[in-house]
Amino acid sequence: MSIKFDSVVHPGLSRGEGVALLGFPLVLGVLSFPLWEMTAQEWFRTGNEAYTHAPLMPLIALYFIWDWRAELARLPIQFSWSGFIYFLFGALIFVAGKVGADRFTGQMAIATLLIGLVWMHFGNVITKRIVFPISLLYLMIPLPGIIYRNLSFDLQILSSKLSVDFMQLFALPVYREGNVIDLYYTQLEVAEACSGITSLVSLVTVGWIFAYIAQKRFWPRAVLVASAIPIAMLMNAFRIAGTGMLAHFWSVKAAEGFFHSFAGWIVFMAAFVILLAENGVIVAAQRWRQSSTQ
């Protein structure tokens, strides 16, 4: 039994239109390879651990899609002109990024083009079902350098201030000047690596995935993701305060040794536990509301 090419691509499209549509991914791959090579270097750049999770995003997206394969196989595949328009929008962004030599714009364009390809080839129904996995592509993209540096500096100052406020609750002789914390016997400098931006980006990413799995409605998901920001900031301030208290009551070497290296992992896990507890409160509130309306 022979299968017509038109039925393999999309019903209602001619052979030439089908070939043109199938050529988009190849062209996209060729044009975007240098950009993604540069992006990969940014992911693994020494001293920048904020985006080491980025290579996992496509794998996580593919896992969700594979897990839903039976359901997706029952959905209709239809060509979408809306997806084609979205693809063209991504192409315009890509051209703007090339003209302006802006890495971030180009990376956003590539993610938009990939989503446009999926939307265009598989249609509105399937794209709506997999909108969450493909949205993870945007979490791969590092922030622009100027935004990253400004955000990191602001977090340095905020973390310094909050940690000093926390240590003063224990009557420690401590004061702050900028991002330098004076502990009488020693000084702690809240450098860029201690600003908490790494844990902030990582916790928001984990919160995005966890919120989708744990909740079914938009607003509870939005609350979980939004709360990841203040949780990450507060926990980082507690980590700095703990380092300062250890240096004051124990020794500076102890604060700068194993504790300083391992504390980031402890604080991140504690922040995730807080997210779990918050989700438990939301679930309990939902059940109470449901029982009260019955």
Protein backbone atom coordinates (compact mmCIF):
# COMPACT_ATOMS: atom_id res chain seq x y z
CA MET A 1 0.00 0.00 0.00
CA SER A 2 1.48 3.34 -0.99
CA ILE A 3 1.29 6.40 1.19
CA LYS A 4 0.96 9.78 -0.42
CA PHE A 5 3.53 12.35 0.60
CA ASP A 6 0.80 14.89 1.27
CA SER A 7 -0.76 12.68 3.96
CA VAL A 8 2.59 12.22 5.66
CA VAL A 9 3.19 15.95 5.92
CA HIS A 10 -0.19 17.64 6.36
CA PRO A 11 -3.59 17.23 4.74
CA GLY A 12 -4.45 20.08 2.44
CA LEU A 13 -0.84 21.04 1.63
CA SER A 14 0.80 20.48 -1.71
CA ARG A 15 4.04 18.51 -2.15
CA GLY A 16 6.05 21.71 -2.57
CA GLU A 17 4.55 23.30 0.53
CA GLY A 18 5.27 20.16 2.51
CA VAL A 19 8.91 20.06 1.41
CA ALA A 20 9.30 23.76 2.27
CA LEU A 21 7.90 23.20 5.76
CA LEU A 22 10.15 20.20 6.38
CA GLY A 23 13.14 22.31 5.31
CA PHE A 24 12.61 24.83 8.12
CA PRO A 25 14.18 22.66 10.86
CA LEU A 26 17.31 22.06 8.78
CA VAL A 27 17.75 25.76 8.04
CA LEU A 28 17.09 26.59 11.67
CA GLY A 29 19.72 24.14 12.85
CA VAL A 30 22.38 25.52 10.49
CA LEU A 31 21.68 29.14 11.39
CA SER A 32 21.49 28.60 15.14
CA PHE A 33 24.46 26.26 15.66
CA PRO A 34 27.06 29.01 16.33
CA LEU A 35 24.65 30.71 18.74
CA TRP A 36 23.99 27.55 20.75
CA GLU A 37 27.70 26.75 20.79
CA MET A 38 28.27 30.14 22.40
CA THR A 39 25.37 29.49 24.79
CA ALA A 40 26.84 26.15 25.87
CA GLN A 41 30.10 27.91 26.72
CA GLU A 42 28.09 30.31 28.89
CA TRP A 43 26.38 27.40 30.69
CA PHE A 44 29.69 25.88 31.72
CA ARG A 45 31.72 29.05 32.17
CA THR A 46 33.99 28.81 35.21
CA GLY A 47 32.54 30.69 38.16
CA ASN A 48 29.03 30.79 36.73
CA GLU A 49 26.89 27.98 38.12
CA ALA A 50 23.50 29.64 37.62
CA TYR A 51 22.75 27.78 34.39
CA THR A 52 24.35 24.36 34.86
CA HIS A 53 20.78 23.00 34.84
CA ALA A 54 20.13 24.33 31.33
CA PRO A 55 21.27 21.22 29.36
CA LEU A 56 18.73 19.16 31.32
CA MET A 57 15.74 21.19 30.12
CA PRO A 58 15.39 19.51 26.69
CA LEU A 59 15.72 16.09 28.33
CA ILE A 60 13.02 16.94 30.89
CA ALA A 61 10.77 18.27 28.11
CA LEU A 62 11.27 15.09 26.09
CA TYR A 63 10.52 12.99 29.16
CA PHE A 64 7.14 14.66 29.64
CA ILE A 65 6.29 14.26 25.95
CA TRP A 66 7.36 10.60 25.98
CA ASP A 67 5.33 9.96 29.12
CA TRP A 68 2.27 11.42 27.38
CA ARG A 69 2.89 9.57 24.09
CA ALA A 70 -0.24 7.41 24.33
CA GLU A 71 -2.46 10.43 24.91
CA LEU A 72 -0.72 12.50 22.23
CA ALA A 73 -1.12 9.69 19.69
CA ARG A 74 -4.90 10.05 19.97
CA LEU A 75 -4.84 13.79 19.27
CA PRO A 76 -5.26 15.09 15.71
CA ILE A 77 -2.25 16.40 13.79
CA GLN A 78 -3.19 19.50 11.83
CA PHE A 79 -1.22 22.25 10.18
CA SER A 80 -1.57 25.51 12.10
CA TRP A 81 -1.29 28.90 10.45
CA SER A 82 -1.11 30.40 13.94
CA GLY A 83 2.03 28.36 14.50
CA PHE A 84 3.38 29.56 11.15
CA ILE A 85 2.81 33.19 12.20
CA TYR A 86 4.53 32.48 15.53
CA PHE A 87 7.44 30.98 13.59
CA LEU A 88 7.67 34.11 11.44
CA PHE A 89 7.63 36.21 14.61
CA GLY A 90 10.60 34.19 15.87
CA ALA A 91 12.33 34.75 12.53
CA LEU A 92 11.93 38.51 12.92
CA ILE A 93 13.40 38.33 16.42
CA PHE A 94 16.29 36.25 15.07
CA VAL A 95 17.03 38.85 12.37
CA ALA A 96 16.89 41.61 14.99
CA GLY A 97 19.34 39.70 17.15
CA LYS A 98 21.70 39.21 14.20
CA VAL A 99 21.56 42.86 13.19
CA GLY A 100 22.06 44.05 16.76
CA ALA A 101 24.63 41.33 17.53
CA ASP A 102 22.67 40.57 20.70
CA ARG A 103 23.11 37.05 22.07
CA PHE A 104 20.04 37.06 24.30
CA THR A 105 17.71 38.19 21.52
CA GLY A 106 19.06 35.49 19.24
CA GLN A 107 18.60 32.80 21.88
CA MET A 108 15.04 33.90 22.57
CA ALA A 109 14.43 33.80 18.82
CA ILE A 110 15.72 30.22 18.50
CA ALA A 111 13.42 29.02 21.31
CA THR A 112 10.52 30.87 19.69
CA LEU A 113 11.34 29.34 16.30
CA LEU A 114 11.45 25.82 17.75
CA ILE A 115 8.08 26.29 19.45
CA GLY A 116 6.71 27.77 16.23
CA LEU A 117 7.86 24.69 14.30
CA VAL A 118 6.11 22.36 16.74
CA TRP A 119 2.97 24.49 16.72
CA MET A 120 2.95 24.79 12.94
CA HIS A 121 3.49 21.09 12.20
CA PHE A 122 1.39 19.49 14.93
CA GLY A 123 -1.43 22.00 15.34
CA ASN A 124 -3.23 23.79 18.12
CA VAL A 125 -4.52 20.75 20.03
CA ILE A 126 -1.18 19.00 20.49
CA THR A 127 0.71 22.25 21.11
CA LYS A 128 -1.74 23.23 23.85
CA ARG A 129 -1.17 19.86 25.52
CA ILE A 130 2.64 20.12 25.45
CA VAL A 131 2.92 23.86 26.07
CA PHE A 132 4.54 23.23 29.45
CA PRO A 133 7.41 20.99 28.25
CA ILE A 134 8.27 23.23 25.34
CA SER A 135 8.14 26.30 27.60
CA LEU A 136 11.14 24.80 29.41
CA LEU A 137 13.24 25.83 26.41
CA TYR A 138 13.07 29.43 27.62
CA LEU A 139 14.58 28.39 30.97
CA MET A 140 17.75 27.37 29.12
CA ILE A 141 18.52 30.94 28.11
CA PRO A 142 20.95 32.90 30.31
CA LEU A 143 19.95 36.41 31.27
CA PRO A 144 21.64 39.27 29.38
CA GLY A 145 24.97 40.17 30.92
CA ILE A 146 23.93 43.67 32.01
CA ILE A 147 20.76 42.37 33.69
CA TYR A 148 22.65 39.48 35.31
CA ARG A 149 25.34 41.77 36.74
CA ASN A 150 22.87 44.39 38.00
CA LEU A 151 20.65 41.73 39.55
CA SER A 152 23.64 40.05 41.13
CA PHE A 153 24.83 43.34 42.64
CA ASP A 154 21.38 44.17 44.01
CA LEU A 155 21.18 40.69 45.53
CA GLN A 156 24.62 41.15 47.09
CA ILE A 157 23.46 44.30 48.89
CA LEU A 158 20.10 42.82 49.88
CA SER A 159 21.64 39.57 51.14
CA SER A 160 24.21 41.54 53.13
CA LYS A 161 21.54 43.70 54.74
CA LEU A 162 19.23 40.79 55.60
CA SER A 163 22.06 38.67 57.01
CA VAL A 164 23.23 41.54 59.22
CA ASP A 165 19.67 42.09 60.48
CA PHE A 166 19.45 38.40 61.30
CA MET A 167 22.81 38.34 63.15
CA GLN A 168 21.83 41.43 65.13
CA LEU A 169 18.90 39.46 66.53
CA PHE A 170 21.53 37.40 68.36
CA ALA A 171 23.26 40.55 69.64
CA LEU A 172 26.35 40.06 67.52
CA PRO A 173 28.66 43.09 67.20
CA VAL A 174 28.20 43.47 63.47
CA TYR A 175 27.70 46.28 61.02
CA ARG A 176 27.64 46.57 57.26
CA GLU A 177 29.21 48.83 54.68
CA GLY A 178 27.94 48.00 51.21
CA ASN A 179 28.50 44.30 50.71
CA VAL A 180 31.20 44.06 53.39
CA ILE A 181 30.15 42.73 56.80
CA ASP A 182 32.37 43.65 59.76
CA LEU A 183 32.28 41.11 62.59
CA TYR A 184 34.78 42.82 64.90
CA TYR A 185 37.33 40.01 64.62
CA THR A 186 37.01 39.57 60.88
CA GLN A 187 35.28 40.83 57.76
CA LEU A 188 33.06 38.95 55.34
CA GLU A 189 32.63 40.14 51.78
CA VAL A 190 29.44 39.06 50.05
CA ALA A 191 30.91 38.52 46.60
CA GLU A 192 28.96 37.89 43.40
CA ALA A 193 29.21 34.13 43.97
CA CYS A 194 27.47 34.62 47.34
CA SER A 195 24.74 36.91 46.00
CA GLY A 196 22.29 34.01 45.79
CA ILE A 197 21.55 34.44 42.10
CA THR A 198 22.53 30.82 41.42
CA SER A 199 20.10 29.44 43.99
CA LEU A 200 17.47 31.95 42.83
CA VAL A 201 17.62 30.83 39.19
CA SER A 202 17.81 27.16 40.16
CA LEU A 203 14.93 27.33 42.66
CA VAL A 204 12.67 29.18 40.21
CA THR A 205 13.42 26.49 37.60
CA VAL A 206 12.74 23.65 40.03
CA GLY A 207 9.67 25.50 41.31
CA TRP A 208 8.36 25.85 37.75
CA ILE A 209 8.55 22.08 37.19
CA PHE A 210 7.34 21.16 40.68
CA ALA A 211 4.37 23.55 40.49
CA TYR A 212 3.23 22.00 37.22
CA ILE A 213 3.42 18.47 38.64
CA ALA A 214 1.92 19.26 42.05
CA GLN A 215 -0.93 21.56 41.00
CA LYS A 216 -3.52 21.46 38.23
CA ARG A 217 -4.74 25.04 38.23
CA PHE A 218 -2.97 28.22 37.12
CA TRP A 219 -3.11 30.33 40.29
CA PRO A 220 -1.68 27.74 42.72
CA ARG A 221 1.10 27.11 40.22
CA ALA A 222 1.77 30.84 39.90
CA VAL A 223 1.90 31.24 43.69
CA LEU A 224 4.44 28.43 44.04
CA VAL A 225 6.69 29.78 41.30
CA ALA A 226 6.47 33.39 42.54
CA SER A 227 7.18 32.36 46.14
CA ALA A 228 10.40 30.68 45.04
CA ILE A 229 11.95 34.14 44.60
CA PRO A 230 11.62 35.44 48.21
CA ILE A 231 12.35 31.95 49.59
CA ALA A 232 15.65 31.79 47.69
CA MET A 233 16.61 35.31 48.80
CA LEU A 234 15.81 34.72 52.48
CA MET A 235 17.56 31.36 52.59
CA ASN A 236 20.68 32.84 51.04
CA ALA A 237 20.66 35.58 53.69
CA PHE A 238 20.37 32.89 56.38
CA ARG A 239 23.35 31.10 54.82
CA ILE A 240 25.49 34.24 54.98
CA ALA A 241 24.34 34.91 58.54
CA GLY A 242 25.19 31.32 59.48
CA THR A 243 28.65 31.77 57.99
CA GLY A 244 29.15 34.97 59.98
CA MET A 245 27.96 33.37 63.22
CA LEU A 246 30.23 30.37 62.68
CA ALA A 247 33.18 32.72 62.09
CA HIS A 248 32.33 34.67 65.24
CA PHE A 249 31.64 31.81 67.65
CA TRP A 250 33.93 29.16 66.19
CA SER A 251 36.66 30.25 63.77
CA VAL A 252 37.16 31.99 60.45
CA LYS A 253 38.76 28.86 58.97
CA ALA A 254 35.71 26.78 59.84
CA ALA A 255 33.45 29.31 58.12
CA GLU A 256 35.61 29.41 55.01
CA GLY A 257 36.15 25.66 54.76
CA PHE A 258 33.77 22.79 54.21
CA PHE A 259 30.78 24.65 55.62
CA HIS A 260 31.07 27.46 53.10
CA SER A 261 31.25 25.00 50.19
CA PHE A 262 28.49 22.69 51.38
CA ALA A 263 26.14 25.30 52.82
CA GLY A 264 24.80 26.22 49.39
CA TRP A 265 23.45 22.70 48.88
CA ILE A 266 21.97 22.58 52.37
CA VAL A 267 20.23 25.92 51.90
CA PHE A 268 18.89 24.94 48.49
CA MET A 269 17.43 21.70 49.83
CA ALA A 270 15.92 23.60 52.76
CA ALA A 271 14.36 26.07 50.32
CA PHE A 272 12.84 23.22 48.34
CA VAL A 273 11.44 21.70 51.55
CA ILE A 274 9.75 25.06 52.20
CA LEU A 275 8.20 24.85 48.72
CA LEU A 276 6.95 21.35 49.55
CA ALA A 277 5.44 22.62 52.79
CA GLU A 278 3.83 25.55 50.98
CA ASN A 279 2.30 23.17 48.47
CA GLY A 280 0.95 21.11 51.37
CA VAL A 281 -0.73 24.20 52.79
CA ILE A 282 -2.26 25.00 49.38
CA VAL A 283 -3.56 21.44 49.01
CA ALA A 284 -5.05 21.54 52.52
CA ALA A 285 -6.73 24.87 51.77
CA GLN A 286 -8.14 23.49 48.52
CA ARG A 287 -9.57 20.45 50.31
CA TRP A 288 -11.06 22.61 53.06
CA ARG A 289 -12.66 24.90 50.49
CA GLN A 290 -14.03 21.95 48.56
CA SER A 291 -15.49 20.33 51.68
CA SER A 292 -17.03 23.58 52.88
CA THR A 293 -18.89 24.10 49.61
CA GLN A 294 -20.43 20.62 49.61
